[in-house]
PDB file of N, CA and C in Angstrom:
ATOM      1  N   MET A   1     -45.188  -8.311 -63.826  1.00  0.00           N
ATOM      2  CA  MET A   1     -44.748  -7.482 -64.908  1.00  0.00           C
ATOM      3  C   MET A   1     -44.656  -6.035 -64.442  1.00  0.00           C
ATOM      4  N   LYS A   2     -45.650  -5.562 -63.705  1.00  0.00           N
ATOM      5  CA  LYS A   2     -45.600  -4.208 -63.186  1.00  0.00           C
ATOM      6  C   LYS A   2     -44.443  -4.064 -62.210  1.00  0.00           C
ATOM      7  N   LYS A   3     -44.181  -5.142 -61.533  1.00  0.00           N
ATOM      8  CA  LYS A   3     -43.102  -5.115 -60.563  1.00  0.00           C
ATOM      9  C   LYS A   3     -41.743  -4.972 -61.282  1.00  0.00           C
ATOM     10  N   LEU A   4     -41.583  -5.605 -62.427  1.00  0.00           N
ATOM     11  CA  LEU A   4     -40.341  -5.513 -63.197  1.00  0.00           C
ATOM     12  C   LEU A   4     -40.171  -4.116 -63.794  1.00  0.00           C
ATOM     13  N   LYS A   5     -41.279  -3.493 -64.241  1.00  0.00           N
ATOM     14  CA  LYS A   5     -41.207  -2.139 -64.778  1.00  0.00           C
ATOM     15  C   LYS A   5     -40.738  -1.163 -63.709  1.00  0.00           C
ATOM     16  N   PHE A   6     -41.090  -1.397 -62.481  1.00  0.00           N
ATOM     17  CA  PHE A   6     -40.704  -0.525 -61.386  1.00  0.00           C
ATOM     18  C   PHE A   6     -39.288  -0.858 -60.900  1.00  0.00           C
ATOM     19  N   LEU A   7     -38.894  -2.107 -61.057  1.00  0.00           N
ATOM     20  CA  LEU A   7     -37.604  -2.577 -60.547  1.00  0.00           C
ATOM     21  C   LEU A   7     -36.428  -2.044 -61.386  1.00  0.00           C
ATOM     22  N   PHE A   8     -36.548  -1.985 -62.699  1.00  0.00           N
ATOM     23  CA  PHE A   8     -35.449  -1.519 -63.551  1.00  0.00           C
ATOM     24  C   PHE A   8     -35.094  -0.049 -63.303  1.00  0.00           C
ATOM     25  N   PRO A   9     -36.059   0.853 -63.260  1.00  0.00           N
ATOM     26  CA  PRO A   9     -35.688   2.243 -62.962  1.00  0.00           C
ATOM     27  C   PRO A   9     -35.102   2.384 -61.560  1.00  0.00           C
ATOM     28  N   LEU A  10     -35.583   1.556 -60.611  1.00  0.00           N
ATOM     29  CA  LEU A  10     -35.071   1.617 -59.249  1.00  0.00           C
ATOM     30  C   LEU A  10     -33.601   1.160 -59.203  1.00  0.00           C
ATOM     31  N   ILE A  11     -33.286   0.117 -59.962  1.00  0.00           N
ATOM     32  CA  ILE A  11     -31.897  -0.367 -60.022  1.00  0.00           C
ATOM     33  C   ILE A  11     -31.005   0.685 -60.683  1.00  0.00           C
ATOM     34  N   ALA A  12     -31.474   1.301 -61.758  1.00  0.00           N
ATOM     35  CA  ALA A  12     -30.704   2.332 -62.453  1.00  0.00           C
ATOM     36  C   ALA A  12     -30.471   3.526 -61.539  1.00  0.00           C
ATOM     37  N   LEU A  13     -31.488   3.904 -60.763  1.00  0.00           N
ATOM     38  CA  LEU A  13     -31.357   5.020 -59.837  1.00  0.00           C
ATOM     39  C   LEU A  13     -30.355   4.692 -58.738  1.00  0.00           C
ATOM     40  N   CYS A  14     -30.378   3.471 -58.241  1.00  0.00           N
ATOM     41  CA  CYS A  14     -29.421   3.058 -57.210  1.00  0.00           C
ATOM     42  C   CYS A  14     -27.984   3.050 -57.749  1.00  0.00           C
ATOM     43  N   LEU A  15     -27.842   2.618 -58.976  1.00  0.00           N
ATOM     44  CA  LEU A  15     -26.503   2.598 -59.562  1.00  0.00           C
ATOM     45  C   LEU A  15     -25.964   4.016 -59.746  1.00  0.00           C
ATOM     46  N   LEU A  16     -26.838   4.939 -60.178  1.00  0.00           N
ATOM     47  CA  LEU A  16     -26.395   6.313 -60.385  1.00  0.00           C
ATOM     48  C   LEU A  16     -26.062   6.997 -59.065  1.00  0.00           C
ATOM     49  N   LEU A  17     -26.872   6.770 -58.068  1.00  0.00           N
ATOM     50  CA  LEU A  17     -26.634   7.418 -56.780  1.00  0.00           C
ATOM     51  C   LEU A  17     -25.560   6.696 -55.970  1.00  0.00           C
ATOM     52  N   GLY A  18     -25.365   5.461 -56.262  1.00  0.00           N
ATOM     53  CA  GLY A  18     -24.442   4.662 -55.468  1.00  0.00           C
ATOM     54  C   GLY A  18     -22.978   4.831 -55.862  1.00  0.00           C
ATOM     55  N   THR A  19     -22.730   5.520 -56.953  1.00  0.00           N
ATOM     56  CA  THR A  19     -21.337   5.690 -57.341  1.00  0.00           C
ATOM     57  C   THR A  19     -20.692   6.730 -56.449  1.00  0.00           C
ATOM     58  N   GLY A  20     -19.549   6.390 -55.941  1.00  0.00           N
ATOM     59  CA  GLY A  20     -18.817   7.324 -55.084  1.00  0.00           C
ATOM     60  C   GLY A  20     -17.978   8.262 -55.923  1.00  0.00           C
ATOM     61  N   ARG A  21     -17.373   9.183 -55.264  1.00  0.00           N
ATOM     62  CA  ARG A  21     -16.540  10.113 -56.016  1.00  0.00           C
ATOM     63  C   ARG A  21     -15.191   9.460 -56.291  1.00  0.00           C
ATOM     64  N   ALA A  22     -14.612   9.855 -57.398  1.00  0.00           N
ATOM     65  CA  ALA A  22     -13.349   9.259 -57.815  1.00  0.00           C
ATOM     66  C   ALA A  22     -12.202   9.982 -57.118  1.00  0.00           C
ATOM     67  N   SER A  23     -11.200   9.237 -56.765  1.00  0.00           N
ATOM     68  CA  SER A  23     -10.013   9.859 -56.162  1.00  0.00           C
ATOM     69  C   SER A  23      -8.795   9.453 -56.979  1.00  0.00           C
ATOM     70  N   ALA A  24      -7.816  10.317 -56.956  1.00  0.00           N
ATOM     71  CA  ALA A  24      -6.628  10.087 -57.773  1.00  0.00           C
ATOM     72  C   ALA A  24      -5.717   9.061 -57.113  1.00  0.00           C
ATOM     73  N   GLN A  25      -4.900   8.430 -57.957  1.00  0.00           N
ATOM     74  CA  GLN A  25      -3.930   7.477 -57.434  1.00  0.00           C
ATOM     75  C   GLN A  25      -2.670   8.218 -57.014  1.00  0.00           C
ATOM     76  N   TRP A  26      -1.830   7.519 -56.293  1.00  0.00           N
ATOM     77  CA  TRP A  26      -0.540   8.084 -55.900  1.00  0.00           C
ATOM     78  C   TRP A  26       0.357   8.153 -57.136  1.00  0.00           C
ATOM     79  N   THR A  27       1.238   9.125 -57.144  1.00  0.00           N
ATOM     80  CA  THR A  27       2.178   9.272 -58.242  1.00  0.00           C
ATOM     81  C   THR A  27       3.214   8.163 -58.183  1.00  0.00           C
ATOM     82  N   VAL A  28       3.451   7.549 -59.325  1.00  0.00           N
ATOM     83  CA  VAL A  28       4.439   6.481 -59.395  1.00  0.00           C
ATOM     84  C   VAL A  28       5.747   7.082 -59.878  1.00  0.00           C
ATOM     85  N   ILE A  29       6.810   6.905 -59.096  1.00  0.00           N
ATOM     86  CA  ILE A  29       8.120   7.452 -59.440  1.00  0.00           C
ATOM     87  C   ILE A  29       9.090   6.297 -59.570  1.00  0.00           C
ATOM     88  N   ASP A  30       9.848   6.323 -60.666  1.00  0.00           N
ATOM     89  CA  ASP A  30      10.853   5.289 -60.905  1.00  0.00           C
ATOM     90  C   ASP A  30      12.235   5.943 -60.803  1.00  0.00           C
ATOM     91  N   PRO A  31      12.892   5.845 -59.652  1.00  0.00           N
ATOM     92  CA  PRO A  31      14.177   6.529 -59.478  1.00  0.00           C
ATOM     93  C   PRO A  31      15.256   6.038 -60.446  1.00  0.00           C
ATOM     94  N   SER A  32      15.256   4.761 -60.765  1.00  0.00           N
ATOM     95  CA  SER A  32      16.287   4.267 -61.689  1.00  0.00           C
ATOM     96  C   SER A  32      16.082   4.853 -63.084  1.00  0.00           C
ATOM     97  N   ASN A  33      14.849   5.028 -63.478  1.00  0.00           N
ATOM     98  CA  ASN A  33      14.568   5.639 -64.777  1.00  0.00           C
ATOM     99  C   ASN A  33      15.002   7.102 -64.786  1.00  0.00           C
ATOM    100  N   ILE A  34      14.765   7.803 -63.691  1.00  0.00           N
ATOM    101  CA  ILE A  34      15.177   9.200 -63.598  1.00  0.00           C
ATOM    102  C   ILE A  34      16.701   9.300 -63.647  1.00  0.00           C
ATOM    103  N   ALA A  35      17.380   8.426 -62.915  1.00  0.00           N
ATOM    104  CA  ALA A  35      18.846   8.427 -62.907  1.00  0.00           C
ATOM    105  C   ALA A  35      19.392   8.126 -64.308  1.00  0.00           C
ATOM    106  N   GLN A  36      18.813   7.151 -64.979  1.00  0.00           N
ATOM    107  CA  GLN A  36      19.258   6.816 -66.337  1.00  0.00           C
ATOM    108  C   GLN A  36      19.006   7.976 -67.292  1.00  0.00           C
ATOM    109  N   SER A  37      17.895   8.661 -67.109  1.00  0.00           N
ATOM    110  CA  SER A  37      17.586   9.817 -67.941  1.00  0.00           C
ATOM    111  C   SER A  37      18.613  10.924 -67.727  1.00  0.00           C
ATOM    112  N   ILE A  38      19.022  11.135 -66.473  1.00  0.00           N
ATOM    113  CA  ILE A  38      20.036  12.150 -66.175  1.00  0.00           C
ATOM    114  C   ILE A  38      21.367  11.765 -66.813  1.00  0.00           C
ATOM    115  N   VAL A  39      21.751  10.496 -66.712  1.00  0.00           N
ATOM    116  CA  VAL A  39      22.996  10.023 -67.309  1.00  0.00           C
ATOM    117  C   VAL A  39      22.952  10.202 -68.824  1.00  0.00           C
ATOM    118  N   ASN A  40      21.841   9.829 -69.440  1.00  0.00           N
ATOM    119  CA  ASN A  40      21.711   9.981 -70.895  1.00  0.00           C
ATOM    120  C   ASN A  40      21.769  11.451 -71.312  1.00  0.00           C
ATOM    121  N   SER A  41      21.135  12.311 -70.535  1.00  0.00           N
ATOM    122  CA  SER A  41      21.155  13.739 -70.849  1.00  0.00           C
ATOM    123  C   SER A  41      22.558  14.307 -70.735  1.00  0.00           C
ATOM    124  N   SER A  42      23.298  13.883 -69.701  1.00  0.00           N
ATOM    125  CA  SER A  42      24.663  14.397 -69.545  1.00  0.00           C
ATOM    126  C   SER A  42      25.560  13.881 -70.668  1.00  0.00           C
ATOM    127  N   LYS A  43      25.392  12.618 -71.075  1.00  0.00           N
ATOM    128  CA  LYS A  43      26.176  12.094 -72.202  1.00  0.00           C
ATOM    129  C   LYS A  43      25.847  12.863 -73.475  1.00  0.00           C
ATOM    130  N   SER A  44      24.582  13.151 -73.684  1.00  0.00           N
ATOM    131  CA  SER A  44      24.164  13.902 -74.865  1.00  0.00           C
ATOM    132  C   SER A  44      24.748  15.309 -74.839  1.00  0.00           C
ATOM    133  N   LEU A  45      24.764  15.933 -73.665  1.00  0.00           N
ATOM    134  CA  LEU A  45      25.321  17.274 -73.528  1.00  0.00           C
ATOM    135  C   LEU A  45      26.814  17.284 -73.837  1.00  0.00           C
ATOM    136  N   VAL A  46      27.541  16.271 -73.349  1.00  0.00           N
ATOM    137  CA  VAL A  46      28.978  16.169 -73.628  1.00  0.00           C
ATOM    138  C   VAL A  46      29.206  15.988 -75.124  1.00  0.00           C
ATOM    139  N   GLN A  47      28.415  15.138 -75.757  1.00  0.00           N
ATOM    140  CA  GLN A  47      28.566  14.891 -77.188  1.00  0.00           C
ATOM    141  C   GLN A  47      28.265  16.157 -77.993  1.00  0.00           C
ATOM    142  N   GLU A  48      27.233  16.888 -77.601  1.00  0.00           N
ATOM    143  CA  GLU A  48      26.884  18.113 -78.323  1.00  0.00           C
ATOM    144  C   GLU A  48      27.954  19.174 -78.141  1.00  0.00           C
ATOM    145  N   SER A  49      28.532  19.272 -76.940  1.00  0.00           N
ATOM    146  CA  SER A  49      29.597  20.259 -76.735  1.00  0.00           C
ATOM    147  C   SER A  49      30.836  19.879 -77.535  1.00  0.00           C
ATOM    148  N   THR A  50      31.131  18.583 -77.639  1.00  0.00           N
ATOM    149  CA  THR A  50      32.256  18.131 -78.463  1.00  0.00           C
ATOM    150  C   THR A  50      32.003  18.473 -79.932  1.00  0.00           C
ATOM    151  N   THR A  51      30.791  18.257 -80.382  1.00  0.00           N
ATOM    152  CA  THR A  51      30.432  18.593 -81.757  1.00  0.00           C
ATOM    153  C   THR A  51      30.575  20.094 -82.006  1.00  0.00           C
ATOM    154  N   ALA A  52      30.132  20.890 -81.055  1.00  0.00           N
ATOM    155  CA  ALA A  52      30.245  22.345 -81.203  1.00  0.00           C
ATOM    156  C   ALA A  52      31.711  22.775 -81.243  1.00  0.00           C
ATOM    157  N   THR A  53      32.539  22.159 -80.403  1.00  0.00           N
ATOM    158  CA  THR A  53      33.972  22.478 -80.403  1.00  0.00           C
ATOM    159  C   THR A  53      34.601  22.117 -81.738  1.00  0.00           C
ATOM    160  N   ASN A  54      34.249  20.959 -82.273  1.00  0.00           N
ATOM    161  CA  ASN A  54      34.777  20.554 -83.580  1.00  0.00           C
ATOM    162  C   ASN A  54      34.326  21.505 -84.683  1.00  0.00           C
ATOM    163  N   MET A  55      33.092  21.953 -84.612  1.00  0.00           N
ATOM    164  CA  MET A  55      32.594  22.900 -85.615  1.00  0.00           C
ATOM    165  C   MET A  55      33.365  24.217 -85.551  1.00  0.00           C
ATOM    166  N   VAL A  56      33.673  24.678 -84.332  1.00  0.00           N
ATOM    167  CA  VAL A  56      34.437  25.920 -84.186  1.00  0.00           C
ATOM    168  C   VAL A  56      35.836  25.737 -84.772  1.00  0.00           C
ATOM    169  N   ARG A  57      36.475  24.598 -84.493  1.00  0.00           N
ATOM    170  CA  ARG A  57      37.807  24.328 -85.049  1.00  0.00           C
ATOM    171  C   ARG A  57      37.765  24.277 -86.577  1.00  0.00           C
ATOM    172  N   ASN A  58      36.763  23.609 -87.119  1.00  0.00           N
ATOM    173  CA  ASN A  58      36.623  23.543 -88.581  1.00  0.00           C
ATOM    174  C   ASN A  58      36.428  24.930 -89.176  1.00  0.00           C
ATOM    175  N   PHE A  59      35.642  25.752 -88.500  1.00  0.00           N
ATOM    176  CA  PHE A  59      35.416  27.112 -88.990  1.00  0.00           C
ATOM    177  C   PHE A  59      36.714  27.912 -88.951  1.00  0.00           C
ATOM    178  N   GLN A  60      37.503  27.746 -87.879  1.00  0.00           N
ATOM    179  CA  GLN A  60      38.784  28.449 -87.796  1.00  0.00           C
ATOM    180  C   GLN A  60      39.723  28.010 -88.919  1.00  0.00           C
ATOM    181  N   GLU A  61      39.734  26.721 -89.231  1.00  0.00           N
ATOM    182  CA  GLU A  61      40.542  26.234 -90.348  1.00  0.00           C
ATOM    183  C   GLU A  61      40.058  26.819 -91.669  1.00  0.00           C
ATOM    184  N   THR A  62      38.754  26.920 -91.822  1.00  0.00           N
ATOM    185  CA  THR A  62      38.187  27.506 -93.032  1.00  0.00           C
ATOM    186  C   THR A  62      38.599  28.969 -93.161  1.00  0.00           C
ATOM    187  N   VAL A  63      38.620  29.684 -92.044  1.00  0.00           N
ATOM    188  CA  VAL A  63      39.040  31.086 -92.060  1.00  0.00           C
ATOM    189  C   VAL A  63      40.504  31.186 -92.471  1.00  0.00           C
ATOM    190  N   LYS A  64      41.353  30.280 -91.954  1.00  0.00           N
ATOM    191  CA  LYS A  64      42.766  30.284 -92.330  1.00  0.00           C
ATOM    192  C   LYS A  64      42.929  30.040 -93.829  1.00  0.00           C
ATOM    193  N   ILE A  65      42.215  29.057 -94.354  1.00  0.00           N
ATOM    194  CA  ILE A  65      42.298  28.735 -95.785  1.00  0.00           C
ATOM    195  C   ILE A  65      41.817  29.914 -96.617  1.00  0.00           C
ATOM    196  N   TYR A  66      40.737  30.553 -96.171  1.00  0.00           N
ATOM    197  CA  TYR A  66      40.214  31.719 -96.889  1.00  0.00           C
ATOM    198  C   TYR A  66      41.251  32.845 -96.910  1.00  0.00           C
ATOM    199  N   GLN A  67      41.888  33.100 -95.772  1.00  0.00           N
ATOM    200  CA  GLN A  67      42.877  34.175 -95.709  1.00  0.00           C
ATOM    201  C   GLN A  67      44.075  33.879 -96.610  1.00  0.00           C
ATOM    202  N   GLN A  68      44.518  32.617 -96.639  1.00  0.00           N
ATOM    203  CA  GLN A  68      45.619  32.254 -97.531  1.00  0.00           C
ATOM    204  C   GLN A  68      45.217  32.445 -98.995  1.00  0.00           C
ATOM    205  N   ALA A  69      44.033  31.992 -99.332  1.00  0.00           N
ATOM    206  CA  ALA A  69      43.556  32.127-100.711  1.00  0.00           C
ATOM    207  C   ALA A  69      43.425  33.601-101.082  1.00  0.00           C
ATOM    208  N   LYS A  70      42.960  34.419-100.156  1.00  0.00           N
ATOM    209  CA  LYS A  70      42.826  35.848-100.426  1.00  0.00           C
ATOM    210  C   LYS A  70      44.197  36.473-100.625  1.00  0.00           C
ATOM    211  N   LYS A  71      45.170  36.057 -99.832  1.00  0.00           N
ATOM    212  CA  LYS A  71      46.523  36.591 -99.996  1.00  0.00           C
ATOM    213  C   LYS A  71      47.075  36.224-101.376  1.00  0.00           C
ATOM    214  N   TYR A  72      46.891  34.969-101.780  1.00  0.00           N
ATOM    215  CA  TYR A  72      47.351  34.550-103.106  1.00  0.00           C
ATOM    216  C   TYR A  72      46.614  35.295-104.212  1.00  0.00           C
ATOM    217  N   TYR A  73      45.327  35.474-104.056  1.00  0.00           N
ATOM    218  CA  TYR A  73      44.538  36.187-105.051  1.00  0.00           C
ATOM    219  C   TYR A  73      45.007  37.633-105.173  1.00  0.00           C
ATOM    220  N   ASP A  74      45.237  38.283-104.027  1.00  0.00           N
ATOM    221  CA  ASP A  74      45.706  39.666-104.064  1.00  0.00           C
ATOM    222  C   ASP A  74      47.078  39.759-104.747  1.00  0.00           C
ATOM    223  N   ALA A  75      47.965  38.766-104.482  1.00  0.00           N
ATOM    224  CA  ALA A  75      49.276  38.760-105.135  1.00  0.00           C
ATOM    225  C   ALA A  75      49.122  38.589-106.639  1.00  0.00           C
ATOM    226  N   LEU A  76      48.260  37.665-107.055  1.00  0.00           N
ATOM    227  CA  LEU A  76      48.025  37.469-108.496  1.00  0.00           C
ATOM    228  C   LEU A  76      47.416  38.712-109.125  1.00  0.00           C
ATOM    229  N   GLN A  77      46.534  39.363-108.400  1.00  0.00           N
ATOM    230  CA  GLN A  77      45.905  40.585-108.912  1.00  0.00           C
ATOM    231  C   GLN A  77      46.950  41.681-109.100  1.00  0.00           C
ATOM    232  N   SER A  78      47.883  41.799-108.145  1.00  0.00           N
ATOM    233  CA  SER A  78      48.917  42.829-108.289  1.00  0.00           C
ATOM    234  C   SER A  78      49.852  42.504-109.461  1.00  0.00           C
ATOM    235  N   VAL A  79      50.176  41.204-109.654  1.00  0.00           N
ATOM    236  CA  VAL A  79      51.001  40.814-110.800  1.00  0.00           C
ATOM    237  C   VAL A  79      50.259  41.103-112.099  1.00  0.00           C
ATOM    238  N   ASN A  80      48.974  40.805-112.105  1.00  0.00           N
ATOM    239  CA  ASN A  80      48.160  41.073-113.297  1.00  0.00           C
ATOM    240  C   ASN A  80      48.156  42.571-113.610  1.00  0.00           C
ATOM    241  N   ASN A  81      48.010  43.400-112.603  1.00  0.00           N
ATOM    242  CA  ASN A  81      48.030  44.846-112.822  1.00  0.00           C
ATOM    243  C   ASN A  81      49.397  45.299-113.325  1.00  0.00           C
ATOM    244  N   LEU A  82      50.465  44.692-112.770  1.00  0.00           N
ATOM    245  CA  LEU A  82      51.817  45.042-113.209  1.00  0.00           C
ATOM    246  C   LEU A  82      52.031  44.673-114.680  1.00  0.00           C
ATOM    247  N   VAL A  83      51.577  43.490-115.076  1.00  0.00           N
ATOM    248  CA  VAL A  83      51.699  43.054-116.472  1.00  0.00           C
ATOM    249  C   VAL A  83      50.888  43.970-117.382  1.00  0.00           C
ATOM    250  N   ARG A  84      49.708  44.341-116.970  1.00  0.00           N
ATOM    251  CA  ARG A  84      48.867  45.232-117.778  1.00  0.00           C
ATOM    252  C   ARG A  84      49.553  46.587-117.960  1.00  0.00           C
ATOM    253  N   ASP A  85      50.120  47.106-116.861  1.00  0.00           N
ATOM    254  CA  ASP A  85      50.827  48.384-116.965  1.00  0.00           C
ATOM    255  C   ASP A  85      52.052  48.259-117.875  1.00  0.00           C
ATOM    256  N   ALA A  86      52.772  47.125-117.797  1.00  0.00           N
ATOM    257  CA  ALA A  86      53.948  46.915-118.652  1.00  0.00           C
ATOM    258  C   ALA A  86      53.536  46.853-120.117  1.00  0.00           C
ATOM    259  N   ARG A  87      52.415  46.234-120.409  1.00  0.00           N
ATOM    260  CA  ARG A  87      51.940  46.181-121.799  1.00  0.00           C
ATOM    261  C   ARG A  87      51.578  47.572-122.306  1.00  0.00           C
ATOM    262  N   LYS A  88      50.971  48.368-121.426  1.00  0.00           N
ATOM    263  CA  LYS A  88      50.631  49.739-121.835  1.00  0.00           C
ATOM    264  C   LYS A  88      51.904  50.524-122.150  1.00  0.00           C
ATOM    265  N   VAL A  89      52.920  50.334-121.285  1.00  0.00           N
ATOM    266  CA  VAL A  89      54.190  51.028-121.528  1.00  0.00           C
ATOM    267  C   VAL A  89      54.804  50.542-122.837  1.00  0.00           C
ATOM    268  N   GLN A  90      54.750  49.226-123.075  1.00  0.00           N
ATOM    269  CA  GLN A  90      55.299  48.661-124.312  1.00  0.00           C
ATOM    270  C   GLN A  90      54.579  49.239-125.517  1.00  0.00           C
ATOM    271  N   GLN A  91      53.255  49.290-125.460  1.00  0.00           N
ATOM    272  CA  GLN A  91      52.483  49.827-126.584  1.00  0.00           C
ATOM    273  C   GLN A  91      52.791  51.310-126.794  1.00  0.00           C
ATOM    274  N   THR A  92      52.975  52.024-125.705  1.00  0.00           N
ATOM    275  CA  THR A  92      53.285  53.447-125.810  1.00  0.00           C
ATOM    276  C   THR A  92      54.656  53.649-126.453  1.00  0.00           C
ATOM    277  N   VAL A  93      55.646  52.844-126.039  1.00  0.00           N
ATOM    278  CA  VAL A  93      56.987  52.949-126.624  1.00  0.00           C
ATOM    279  C   VAL A  93      56.945  52.597-128.104  1.00  0.00           C
ATOM    280  N   LEU A  94      56.220  51.546-128.467  1.00  0.00           N
ATOM    281  CA  LEU A  94      56.107  51.173-129.881  1.00  0.00           C
ATOM    282  C   LEU A  94      55.413  52.268-130.685  1.00  0.00           C
ATOM    283  N   MET A  95      54.388  52.871-130.102  1.00  0.00           N
ATOM    284  CA  MET A  95      53.681  53.921-130.801  1.00  0.00           C
ATOM    285  C   MET A  95      54.601  55.138-130.978  1.00  0.00           C
ATOM    286  N   LEU A  96      55.401  55.472-129.969  1.00  0.00           N
ATOM    287  CA  LEU A  96      56.348  56.585-130.108  1.00  0.00           C
ATOM    288  C   LEU A  96      57.412  56.266-131.182  1.00  0.00           C
ATOM    289  N   GLY A  97      57.827  54.989-131.229  1.00  0.00           N
ATOM    290  CA  GLY A  97      58.798  54.589-132.263  1.00  0.00           C
ATOM    291  C   GLY A  97      58.200  54.725-133.646  1.00  0.00           C
ATOM    292  N   ASP A  98      56.929  54.360-133.814  1.00  0.00           N
ATOM    293  CA  ASP A  98      56.275  54.490-135.111  1.00  0.00           C
ATOM    294  C   ASP A  98      56.110  55.964-135.499  1.00  0.00           C
ATOM    295  N   ILE A  99      55.758  56.784-134.522  1.00  0.00           N
ATOM    296  CA  ILE A  99      55.562  58.207-134.796  1.00  0.00           C
ATOM    297  C   ILE A  99      56.884  58.867-135.158  1.00  0.00           C
ATOM    298  N   SER A 100      57.932  58.565-134.412  1.00  0.00           N
ATOM    299  CA  SER A 100      59.232  59.207-134.683  1.00  0.00           C
ATOM    300  C   SER A 100      59.875  58.651-135.938  1.00  0.00           C
ATOM    301  N   GLY A 101      59.500  57.421-136.306  1.00  0.00           N
ATOM    302  CA  GLY A 101      60.083  56.816-137.499  1.00  0.00           C
ATOM    303  C   GLY A 101      59.386  57.307-138.707  1.00  0.00           C
TER     304      GLY A 101
END
C-alpha cells in the first residue's frame, strides 16, 4: 500500500516531465483551391464591373429623362405665365371699358 502511494505521484511526475515540446505542422497548400478562388474572384470582378457599367447607363438615361421633363415643365411654365399676363390685360381692358362707359 505504501508502495502504491509512492508509485502514483512518481508516475504523474514522469508524465509531466516526459512530455516533449510541441512543434508546428507544415502548412498545407491546395493549389487547385487557390486557382479556383482566383477564377471565382475574377468572374465576380467582371460581373461587378458589368453591374457598375449598367448602373452608369441607367443613371445617364435618368438624366436625359429629367432634362426632357424639365424642358417641358419650363415650356408649360412660360405658357402659364403668358396666359396669366393675357388675363391681366383682358381684365385691364374690361375695367377701362367699364370706366369709360
